[in-house]
Protein backbone atom coordinates (compact mmCIF):
# COMPACT_ATOMS: atom_id res chain seq x y z
CA UNK A 1 38.20 75.64 21.74
CA UNK A 2 35.06 76.17 23.36
CA UNK A 3 35.16 77.94 26.90
CA UNK A 4 33.21 76.38 29.55
CA UNK A 5 30.47 78.36 31.19
CA UNK A 6 30.56 79.55 34.65
CA UNK A 7 26.97 78.68 35.22
CA UNK A 8 25.58 75.05 35.00
CA UNK A 9 22.40 73.31 36.08
CA UNK A 10 21.83 69.94 38.17
CA UNK A 11 19.05 67.81 39.31
CA UNK A 12 18.22 67.97 42.64
CA UNK A 13 15.43 65.72 43.70
CA UNK A 14 12.42 66.55 41.39
CA UNK A 15 14.10 70.14 40.50
CA UNK A 16 17.23 71.41 38.90
CA UNK A 17 19.25 74.30 40.68
CA UNK A 18 21.33 76.75 38.73
CA UNK A 19 25.28 76.63 40.11
CA UNK A 20 28.28 78.64 39.37
CA UNK A 21 31.85 77.73 39.47
CA UNK A 22 34.63 78.93 41.47
CA UNK A 23 37.85 77.73 39.74
CA UNK A 24 40.98 77.88 42.34
CA UNK A 25 43.53 80.14 41.21
CA UNK A 26 46.45 77.44 41.02
CA UNK A 27 44.29 75.61 38.40
CA UNK A 28 44.05 72.57 40.72
CA UNK A 29 39.99 72.26 40.21
CA UNK A 30 37.51 74.38 42.39
CA UNK A 31 33.99 74.37 43.83
CA UNK A 32 30.43 75.18 43.01
CA UNK A 33 27.75 76.84 44.72
CA UNK A 34 24.02 77.23 44.18
CA UNK A 35 23.35 80.66 42.86
CA UNK A 36 21.57 82.69 45.72
CA UNK A 37 17.99 84.25 44.39
CA UNK A 38 17.67 82.05 41.30
CA UNK A 39 14.51 80.09 40.76
CA UNK A 40 14.40 76.38 41.30
CA UNK A 41 13.39 74.93 37.92
CA UNK A 42 10.61 72.13 37.53
CA UNK A 43 12.05 71.18 33.74
CA UNK A 44 15.57 70.24 32.41
CA UNK A 45 14.81 72.59 29.43
CA UNK A 46 13.81 75.45 31.49
CA UNK A 47 17.38 75.18 33.61
CA UNK A 48 19.20 74.95 30.24
CA UNK A 49 17.62 78.26 28.84
CA UNK A 50 18.50 80.03 31.85
CA UNK A 51 22.33 78.83 31.98
CA UNK A 52 22.10 79.75 28.35
CA UNK A 53 21.05 83.20 29.35
CA UNK A 54 23.27 83.44 32.27
CA UNK A 55 26.34 82.37 30.33
CA UNK A 56 25.75 84.64 27.47
CA UNK A 57 25.03 81.73 24.81
CA UNK A 58 22.96 81.65 22.13
CA UNK A 59 20.41 78.99 22.61
CA UNK A 60 21.07 75.61 19.83
CA UNK A 61 18.31 75.34 17.18
C-alpha cells in the first residue's frame, strides 16, 4: 500500500496552492492549511512537481 503524501496542491481561482495535511491523532480525519512561504503556481504541472519534491517522491516518467 502506498502512503499518502503530507503535501498536496489544489486549484484556487486561476492559480494552484500547496497545502499540508494535519491528521487528527484519533484517526477521525483532519484538516489542511496552505503552506506559509510557498509560492503560488500558475500551472498544474509546476504545482505537481513541487508537491513531489516536498513529499520526497520521484517524478513519474
